[in-house]
Amino acid sequence: MKTKTISFISTFSMYEKERSGKKPNTLRKLKNNSRLKGVTHVRIRKGYTKVFFTRKITDITFWYGLVIISWNPNEIVISKQKE
C-alpha cells in the first residue's frame, strides 16, 4: 500500500499534547481540501524545528469549513528528534 503524508506545523505546546496522545487530532483550515485526497498519514512538526512525528490517519472529519484529522494515540510513533 502506497502512503501519502500531509504535513503541518504545530505550536510547541500543542505539539507535546499531540505527540503524547493527550490530543490525538489536529484542527486545520485548508484553502484546498483536495490536498487530502489519498492521504494516509499526518506529519506534525514542532514549530519550525526538525522535530516531528508521523502517524497513520484514522479519521478525517469536515466541520464548518475546518478539517479535523485524527490518529490512534496508542500507535507507535514514527518520529525524528533533533540530534
PDB file of N, CA and C in Angstrom:
ATOM      1  N   MET A   1       0.842  -1.185   0.000  1.00  0.00           N
ATOM      2  CA  MET A   1       0.000   0.000   0.000  1.00  0.00           C
ATOM      3  C   MET A   1       0.881   1.239   0.000  1.00  0.00           C
ATOM      4  N   LYS A   2       0.616   2.139  -0.895  1.00  0.00           N
ATOM      5  CA  LYS A   2       1.388   3.366  -1.001  1.00  0.00           C
ATOM      6  C   LYS A   2       0.890   4.369   0.034  1.00  0.00           C
ATOM      7  N   THR A   3       1.830   5.046   0.691  1.00  0.00           N
ATOM      8  CA  THR A   3       1.446   6.045   1.684  1.00  0.00           C
ATOM      9  C   THR A   3       1.607   7.443   1.107  1.00  0.00           C
ATOM     10  N   LYS A   4       0.733   8.335   1.573  1.00  0.00           N
ATOM     11  CA  LYS A   4       0.807   9.744   1.197  1.00  0.00           C
ATOM     12  C   LYS A   4       0.661  10.528   2.496  1.00  0.00           C
ATOM     13  N   THR A   5       1.606  11.412   2.743  1.00  0.00           N
ATOM     14  CA  THR A   5       1.650  12.133   4.015  1.00  0.00           C
ATOM     15  C   THR A   5       1.357  13.610   3.808  1.00  0.00           C
ATOM     16  N   ILE A   6       0.544  14.163   4.701  1.00  0.00           N
ATOM     17  CA  ILE A   6       0.302  15.598   4.734  1.00  0.00           C
ATOM     18  C   ILE A   6       0.992  16.145   5.977  1.00  0.00           C
ATOM     19  N   SER A   7       1.638  17.290   5.846  1.00  0.00           N
ATOM     20  CA  SER A   7       2.423  17.847   6.947  1.00  0.00           C
ATOM     21  C   SER A   7       1.860  19.171   7.442  1.00  0.00           C
ATOM     22  N   PHE A   8       1.969  19.366   8.754  1.00  0.00           N
ATOM     23  CA  PHE A   8       1.543  20.602   9.392  1.00  0.00           C
ATOM     24  C   PHE A   8       2.577  21.019  10.425  1.00  0.00           C
ATOM     25  N   ILE A   9       2.609  22.302  10.709  1.00  0.00           N
ATOM     26  CA  ILE A   9       3.456  22.835  11.771  1.00  0.00           C
ATOM     27  C   ILE A   9       2.554  23.138  12.956  1.00  0.00           C
ATOM     28  N   SER A  10       2.997  22.736  14.127  1.00  0.00           N
ATOM     29  CA  SER A  10       2.221  22.922  15.350  1.00  0.00           C
ATOM     30  C   SER A  10       3.005  23.797  16.322  1.00  0.00           C
ATOM     31  N   THR A  11       2.287  24.467  17.227  1.00  0.00           N
ATOM     32  CA  THR A  11       2.974  25.235  18.263  1.00  0.00           C
ATOM     33  C   THR A  11       3.657  24.264  19.212  1.00  0.00           C
ATOM     34  N   PHE A  12       4.631  24.744  19.970  1.00  0.00           N
ATOM     35  CA  PHE A  12       5.365  23.875  20.884  1.00  0.00           C
ATOM     36  C   PHE A  12       4.433  23.214  21.900  1.00  0.00           C
ATOM     37  N   SER A  13       3.498  23.968  22.463  1.00  0.00           N
ATOM     38  CA  SER A  13       2.599  23.402  23.483  1.00  0.00           C
ATOM     39  C   SER A  13       1.625  22.393  22.874  1.00  0.00           C
ATOM     40  N   MET A  14       1.088  22.677  21.701  1.00  0.00           N
ATOM     41  CA  MET A  14       0.166  21.733  21.050  1.00  0.00           C
ATOM     42  C   MET A  14       0.906  20.488  20.594  1.00  0.00           C
ATOM     43  N   TYR A  15       2.129  20.656  20.114  1.00  0.00           N
ATOM     44  CA  TYR A  15       2.924  19.517  19.656  1.00  0.00           C
ATOM     45  C   TYR A  15       3.080  18.477  20.760  1.00  0.00           C
ATOM     46  N   GLU A  16       3.402  18.919  21.954  1.00  0.00           N
ATOM     47  CA  GLU A  16       3.591  17.989  23.065  1.00  0.00           C
ATOM     48  C   GLU A  16       2.304  17.220  23.373  1.00  0.00           C
ATOM     49  N   LYS A  17       1.159  17.894  23.313  1.00  0.00           N
ATOM     50  CA  LYS A  17      -0.136  17.232  23.545  1.00  0.00           C
ATOM     51  C   LYS A  17      -0.440  16.235  22.427  1.00  0.00           C
ATOM     52  N   GLU A  18      -0.164  16.633  21.179  1.00  0.00           N
ATOM     53  CA  GLU A  18      -0.453  15.773  20.033  1.00  0.00           C
ATOM     54  C   GLU A  18       0.459  14.546  20.026  1.00  0.00           C
ATOM     55  N   ARG A  19       1.733  14.741  20.290  1.00  0.00           N
ATOM     56  CA  ARG A  19       2.682  13.623  20.266  1.00  0.00           C
ATOM     57  C   ARG A  19       2.415  12.637  21.403  1.00  0.00           C
ATOM     58  N   SER A  20       2.058  13.147  22.578  1.00  0.00           N
ATOM     59  CA  SER A  20       1.829  12.275  23.739  1.00  0.00           C
ATOM     60  C   SER A  20       0.528  11.480  23.617  1.00  0.00           C
ATOM     61  N   GLY A  21      -0.383  11.918  22.759  1.00  0.00           N
ATOM     62  CA  GLY A  21      -1.674  11.249  22.618  1.00  0.00           C
ATOM     63  C   GLY A  21      -2.765  11.899  23.441  1.00  0.00           C
ATOM     64  N   LYS A  22      -2.421  12.904  24.218  1.00  0.00           N
ATOM     65  CA  LYS A  22      -3.417  13.630  25.009  1.00  0.00           C
ATOM     66  C   LYS A  22      -4.432  14.321  24.086  1.00  0.00           C
ATOM     67  N   LYS A  23      -3.954  14.754  22.918  1.00  0.00           N
ATOM     68  CA  LYS A  23      -4.800  15.391  21.897  1.00  0.00           C
ATOM     69  C   LYS A  23      -4.498  14.697  20.566  1.00  0.00           C
ATOM     70  N   PRO A  24      -5.193  13.587  20.255  1.00  0.00           N
ATOM     71  CA  PRO A  24      -4.863  12.786  19.077  1.00  0.00           C
ATOM     72  C   PRO A  24      -5.530  13.267  17.783  1.00  0.00           C
ATOM     73  N   ASN A  25      -5.481  14.577  17.561  1.00  0.00           N
ATOM     74  CA  ASN A  25      -6.047  15.130  16.335  1.00  0.00           C
ATOM     75  C   ASN A  25      -5.497  16.528  16.119  1.00  0.00           C
ATOM     76  N   THR A  26      -5.725  17.028  14.918  1.00  0.00           N
ATOM     77  CA  THR A  26      -5.348  18.396  14.605  1.00  0.00           C
ATOM     78  C   THR A  26      -6.500  19.045  13.850  1.00  0.00           C
ATOM     79  N   LEU A  27      -6.784  20.278  14.173  1.00  0.00           N
ATOM     80  CA  LEU A  27      -7.866  21.035  13.556  1.00  0.00           C
ATOM     81  C   LEU A  27      -7.229  22.062  12.630  1.00  0.00           C
ATOM     82  N   ARG A  28      -7.598  22.040  11.359  1.00  0.00           N
ATOM     83  CA  ARG A  28      -6.970  22.916  10.366  1.00  0.00           C
ATOM     84  C   ARG A  28      -7.981  23.523   9.428  1.00  0.00           C
ATOM     85  N   LYS A  29      -7.629  24.689   8.922  1.00  0.00           N
ATOM     86  CA  LYS A  29      -8.411  25.326   7.854  1.00  0.00           C
ATOM     87  C   LYS A  29      -7.542  25.247   6.610  1.00  0.00           C
ATOM     88  N   LEU A  30      -8.013  24.511   5.624  1.00  0.00           N
ATOM     89  CA  LEU A  30      -7.254  24.330   4.396  1.00  0.00           C
ATOM     90  C   LEU A  30      -7.864  25.163   3.280  1.00  0.00           C
ATOM     91  N   LYS A  31      -7.021  25.770   2.474  1.00  0.00           N
ATOM     92  CA  LYS A  31      -7.503  26.527   1.320  1.00  0.00           C
ATOM     93  C   LYS A  31      -8.038  25.587   0.255  1.00  0.00           C
ATOM     94  N   ASN A  32      -7.464  24.378   0.215  1.00  0.00           N
ATOM     95  CA  ASN A  32      -7.822  23.423  -0.817  1.00  0.00           C
ATOM     96  C   ASN A  32      -7.935  22.029  -0.208  1.00  0.00           C
ATOM     97  N   ASN A  33      -9.158  21.551  -0.025  1.00  0.00           N
ATOM     98  CA  ASN A  33      -9.372  20.231   0.585  1.00  0.00           C
ATOM     99  C   ASN A  33      -8.896  19.084  -0.293  1.00  0.00           C
ATOM    100  N   SER A  34      -8.605  19.367  -1.563  1.00  0.00           N
ATOM    101  CA  SER A  34      -8.124  18.293  -2.434  1.00  0.00           C
ATOM    102  C   SER A  34      -6.740  17.812  -2.002  1.00  0.00           C
ATOM    103  N   ARG A  35      -6.048  18.588  -1.152  1.00  0.00           N
ATOM    104  CA  ARG A  35      -4.759  18.143  -0.590  1.00  0.00           C
ATOM    105  C   ARG A  35      -4.927  16.858   0.209  1.00  0.00           C
ATOM    106  N   LEU A  36      -6.148  16.584   0.667  1.00  0.00           N
ATOM    107  CA  LEU A  36      -6.406  15.411   1.496  1.00  0.00           C
ATOM    108  C   LEU A  36      -6.669  14.137   0.685  1.00  0.00           C
ATOM    109  N   LYS A  37      -6.844  14.279  -0.613  1.00  0.00           N
ATOM    110  CA  LYS A  37      -7.172  13.117  -1.440  1.00  0.00           C
ATOM    111  C   LYS A  37      -6.056  12.077  -1.382  1.00  0.00           C
ATOM    112  N   GLY A  38      -6.392  10.898  -0.932  1.00  0.00           N
ATOM    113  CA  GLY A  38      -5.453   9.793  -0.869  1.00  0.00           C
ATOM    114  C   GLY A  38      -4.480   9.840   0.292  1.00  0.00           C
ATOM    115  N   VAL A  39      -4.624  10.816   1.189  1.00  0.00           N
ATOM    116  CA  VAL A  39      -3.704  10.957   2.318  1.00  0.00           C
ATOM    117  C   VAL A  39      -3.918   9.817   3.306  1.00  0.00           C
ATOM    118  N   THR A  40      -2.821   9.204   3.745  1.00  0.00           N
ATOM    119  CA  THR A  40      -2.882   8.083   4.681  1.00  0.00           C
ATOM    120  C   THR A  40      -2.211   8.397   6.019  1.00  0.00           C
ATOM    121  N   HIS A  41      -1.294   9.368   6.015  1.00  0.00           N
ATOM    122  CA  HIS A  41      -0.532   9.692   7.222  1.00  0.00           C
ATOM    123  C   HIS A  41      -0.472  11.212   7.428  1.00  0.00           C
ATOM    124  N   VAL A  42      -0.305  11.602   8.680  1.00  0.00           N
ATOM    125  CA  VAL A  42      -0.138  13.011   9.024  1.00  0.00           C
ATOM    126  C   VAL A  42       1.209  13.173   9.728  1.00  0.00           C
ATOM    127  N   ARG A  43       1.939  14.225   9.342  1.00  0.00           N
ATOM    128  CA  ARG A  43       3.213  14.548   9.991  1.00  0.00           C
ATOM    129  C   ARG A  43       3.037  15.893  10.682  1.00  0.00           C
ATOM    130  N   ILE A  44       3.342  15.925  11.963  1.00  0.00           N
ATOM    131  CA  ILE A  44       3.236  17.147  12.759  1.00  0.00           C
ATOM    132  C   ILE A  44       4.654  17.563  13.144  1.00  0.00           C
ATOM    133  N   ARG A  45       4.989  18.803  12.793  1.00  0.00           N
ATOM    134  CA  ARG A  45       6.326  19.326  13.096  1.00  0.00           C
ATOM    135  C   ARG A  45       6.233  20.323  14.244  1.00  0.00           C
ATOM    136  N   LYS A  46       7.198  20.280  15.121  1.00  0.00           N
ATOM    137  CA  LYS A  46       7.255  21.153  16.302  1.00  0.00           C
ATOM    138  C   LYS A  46       7.806  22.516  15.887  1.00  0.00           C
ATOM    139  N   GLY A  47       6.884  23.443  15.647  1.00  0.00           N
ATOM    140  CA  GLY A  47       7.287  24.765  15.190  1.00  0.00           C
ATOM    141  C   GLY A  47       8.091  24.653  13.906  1.00  0.00           C
ATOM    142  N   TYR A  48       9.128  25.460  13.797  1.00  0.00           N
ATOM    143  CA  TYR A  48       9.983  25.421  12.615  1.00  0.00           C
ATOM    144  C   TYR A  48      11.287  24.681  12.893  1.00  0.00           C
ATOM    145  N   THR A  49      11.208  23.669  13.765  1.00  0.00           N
ATOM    146  CA  THR A  49      12.368  22.842  14.088  1.00  0.00           C
ATOM    147  C   THR A  49      12.380  21.623  13.169  1.00  0.00           C
ATOM    148  N   LYS A  50      13.354  20.748  13.379  1.00  0.00           N
ATOM    149  CA  LYS A  50      13.433  19.495  12.619  1.00  0.00           C
ATOM    150  C   LYS A  50      12.788  18.344  13.386  1.00  0.00           C
ATOM    151  N   VAL A  51      12.108  18.641  14.474  1.00  0.00           N
ATOM    152  CA  VAL A  51      11.466  17.632  15.316  1.00  0.00           C
ATOM    153  C   VAL A  51      10.042  17.400  14.806  1.00  0.00           C
ATOM    154  N   PHE A  52       9.687  16.143  14.583  1.00  0.00           N
ATOM    155  CA  PHE A  52       8.341  15.834  14.100  1.00  0.00           C
ATOM    156  C   PHE A  52       7.958  14.405  14.477  1.00  0.00           C
ATOM    157  N   PHE A  53       6.666  14.110  14.299  1.00  0.00           N
ATOM    158  CA  PHE A  53       6.205  12.722  14.382  1.00  0.00           C
ATOM    159  C   PHE A  53       5.223  12.489  13.251  1.00  0.00           C
ATOM    160  N   THR A  54       5.072  11.240  12.875  1.00  0.00           N
ATOM    161  CA  THR A  54       4.155  10.847  11.804  1.00  0.00           C
ATOM    162  C   THR A  54       3.275   9.731  12.326  1.00  0.00           C
ATOM    163  N   ARG A  55       1.977   9.844  12.047  1.00  0.00           N
ATOM    164  CA  ARG A  55       1.034   8.791  12.455  1.00  0.00           C
ATOM    165  C   ARG A  55       0.074   8.487  11.303  1.00  0.00           C
ATOM    166  N   LYS A  56      -0.452   7.275  11.325  1.00  0.00           N
ATOM    167  CA  LYS A  56      -1.459   6.866  10.342  1.00  0.00           C
ATOM    168  C   LYS A  56      -2.788   7.526  10.700  1.00  0.00           C
ATOM    169  N   ILE A  57      -3.445   8.099   9.714  1.00  0.00           N
ATOM    170  CA  ILE A  57      -4.729   8.776   9.917  1.00  0.00           C
ATOM    171  C   ILE A  57      -5.826   7.735  10.120  1.00  0.00           C
ATOM    172  N   THR A  58      -6.651   7.949  11.160  1.00  0.00           N
ATOM    173  CA  THR A  58      -7.780   7.055  11.413  1.00  0.00           C
ATOM    174  C   THR A  58      -9.104   7.687  10.997  1.00  0.00           C
ATOM    175  N   ASP A  59      -9.146   9.032  10.897  1.00  0.00           N
ATOM    176  CA  ASP A  59     -10.403   9.696  10.544  1.00  0.00           C
ATOM    177  C   ASP A  59     -10.131  11.113  10.034  1.00  0.00           C
ATOM    178  N   ILE A  60     -10.919  11.523   9.056  1.00  0.00           N
ATOM    179  CA  ILE A  60     -10.914  12.901   8.575  1.00  0.00           C
ATOM    180  C   ILE A  60     -12.354  13.380   8.618  1.00  0.00           C
ATOM    181  N   THR A  61     -12.600  14.446   9.384  1.00  0.00           N
ATOM    182  CA  THR A  61     -13.945  14.990   9.548  1.00  0.00           C
ATOM    183  C   THR A  61     -13.960  16.443   9.099  1.00  0.00           C
ATOM    184  N   PHE A  62     -14.953  16.811   8.294  1.00  0.00           N
ATOM    185  CA  PHE A  62     -15.132  18.199   7.876  1.00  0.00           C
ATOM    186  C   PHE A  62     -16.173  18.825   8.784  1.00  0.00           C
ATOM    187  N   TRP A  63     -15.851  19.997   9.312  1.00  0.00           N
ATOM    188  CA  TRP A  63     -16.716  20.634  10.295  1.00  0.00           C
ATOM    189  C   TRP A  63     -16.684  22.153  10.117  1.00  0.00           C
ATOM    190  N   TYR A  64     -17.778  22.726   9.653  1.00  0.00           N
ATOM    191  CA  TYR A  64     -17.912  24.178   9.497  1.00  0.00           C
ATOM    192  C   TYR A  64     -16.711  24.822   8.802  1.00  0.00           C
ATOM    193  N   GLY A  65     -16.309  24.264   7.680  1.00  0.00           N
ATOM    194  CA  GLY A  65     -15.207  24.829   6.914  1.00  0.00           C
ATOM    195  C   GLY A  65     -13.821  24.454   7.418  1.00  0.00           C
ATOM    196  N   LEU A  66     -13.765  23.647   8.452  1.00  0.00           N
ATOM    197  CA  LEU A  66     -12.497  23.191   9.002  1.00  0.00           C
ATOM    198  C   LEU A  66     -12.372  21.689   8.790  1.00  0.00           C
ATOM    199  N   VAL A  67     -11.170  21.179   8.976  1.00  0.00           N
ATOM    200  CA  VAL A  67     -10.963  19.738   8.880  1.00  0.00           C
ATOM    201  C   VAL A  67     -10.286  19.258  10.157  1.00  0.00           C
ATOM    202  N   ILE A  68     -10.790  18.146  10.684  1.00  0.00           N
ATOM    203  CA  ILE A  68     -10.216  17.516  11.866  1.00  0.00           C
ATOM    204  C   ILE A  68      -9.575  16.211  11.401  1.00  0.00           C
ATOM    205  N   ILE A  69      -8.269  16.109  11.586  1.00  0.00           N
ATOM    206  CA  ILE A  69      -7.537  14.898  11.208  1.00  0.00           C
ATOM    207  C   ILE A  69      -7.149  14.181  12.496  1.00  0.00           C
ATOM    208  N   SER A  70      -7.588  12.936  12.620  1.00  0.00           N
ATOM    209  CA  SER A  70      -7.363  12.165  13.859  1.00  0.00           C
ATOM    210  C   SER A  70      -6.475  10.960  13.606  1.00  0.00           C
ATOM    211  N   TRP A  71      -5.831  10.499  14.678  1.00  0.00           N
ATOM    212  CA  TRP A  71      -4.981   9.313  14.636  1.00  0.00           C
ATOM    213  C   TRP A  71      -5.127   8.550  15.942  1.00  0.00           C
ATOM    214  N   ASN A  72      -4.662   7.318  15.941  1.00  0.00           N
ATOM    215  CA  ASN A  72      -4.711   6.460  17.123  1.00  0.00           C
ATOM    216  C   ASN A  72      -3.562   6.851  18.057  1.00  0.00           C
ATOM    217  N   PRO A  73      -3.863   7.332  19.268  1.00  0.00           N
ATOM    218  CA  PRO A  73      -2.792   7.761  20.172  1.00  0.00           C
ATOM    219  C   PRO A  73      -1.927   6.615  20.691  1.00  0.00           C
ATOM    220  N   ASN A  74      -2.386   5.373  20.535  1.00  0.00           N
ATOM    221  CA  ASN A  74      -1.624   4.216  21.016  1.00  0.00           C
ATOM    222  C   ASN A  74      -0.698   3.629  19.958  1.00  0.00           C
ATOM    223  N   GLU A  75      -0.772   4.163  18.744  1.00  0.00           N
ATOM    224  CA  GLU A  75       0.070   3.672  17.662  1.00  0.00           C
ATOM    225  C   GLU A  75       1.532   4.049  17.917  1.00  0.00           C
ATOM    226  N   ILE A  76       2.426   3.213  17.448  1.00  0.00           N
ATOM    227  CA  ILE A  76       3.854   3.519  17.570  1.00  0.00           C
ATOM    228  C   ILE A  76       4.147   4.769  16.754  1.00  0.00           C
ATOM    229  N   VAL A  77       4.882   5.678  17.360  1.00  0.00           N
ATOM    230  CA  VAL A  77       5.181   6.959  16.728  1.00  0.00           C
ATOM    231  C   VAL A  77       6.422   6.850  15.859  1.00  0.00           C
ATOM    232  N   ILE A  78       6.294   7.325  14.625  1.00  0.00           N
ATOM    233  CA  ILE A  78       7.444   7.467  13.750  1.00  0.00           C
ATOM    234  C   ILE A  78       7.892   8.910  13.934  1.00  0.00           C
ATOM    235  N   SER A  79       9.089   9.108  14.462  1.00  0.00           N
ATOM    236  CA  SER A  79       9.489  10.474  14.755  1.00  0.00           C
ATOM    237  C   SER A  79      10.965  10.712  14.508  1.00  0.00           C
ATOM    238  N   LYS A  80      11.296  11.978  14.487  1.00  0.00           N
ATOM    239  CA  LYS A  80      12.687  12.377  14.393  1.00  0.00           C
ATOM    240  C   LYS A  80      12.926  13.441  15.442  1.00  0.00           C
ATOM    241  N   GLN A  81      13.927  13.229  16.241  1.00  0.00           N
ATOM    242  CA  GLN A  81      14.311  14.215  17.247  1.00  0.00           C
ATOM    243  C   GLN A  81      15.603  14.870  16.784  1.00  0.00           C
ATOM    244  N   LYS A  82      15.723  16.137  17.028  1.00  0.00           N
ATOM    245  CA  LYS A  82      16.942  16.848  16.672  1.00  0.00           C
ATOM    246  C   LYS A  82      18.090  16.258  17.477  1.00  0.00           C
ATOM    247  N   GLU A  83      19.165  15.935  16.793  1.00  0.00           N
ATOM    248  CA  GLU A  83      20.311  15.320  17.469  1.00  0.00           C
ATOM    249  C   GLU A  83      21.457  16.284  17.629  1.00  0.00           C
TER     250      GLU A  83
END
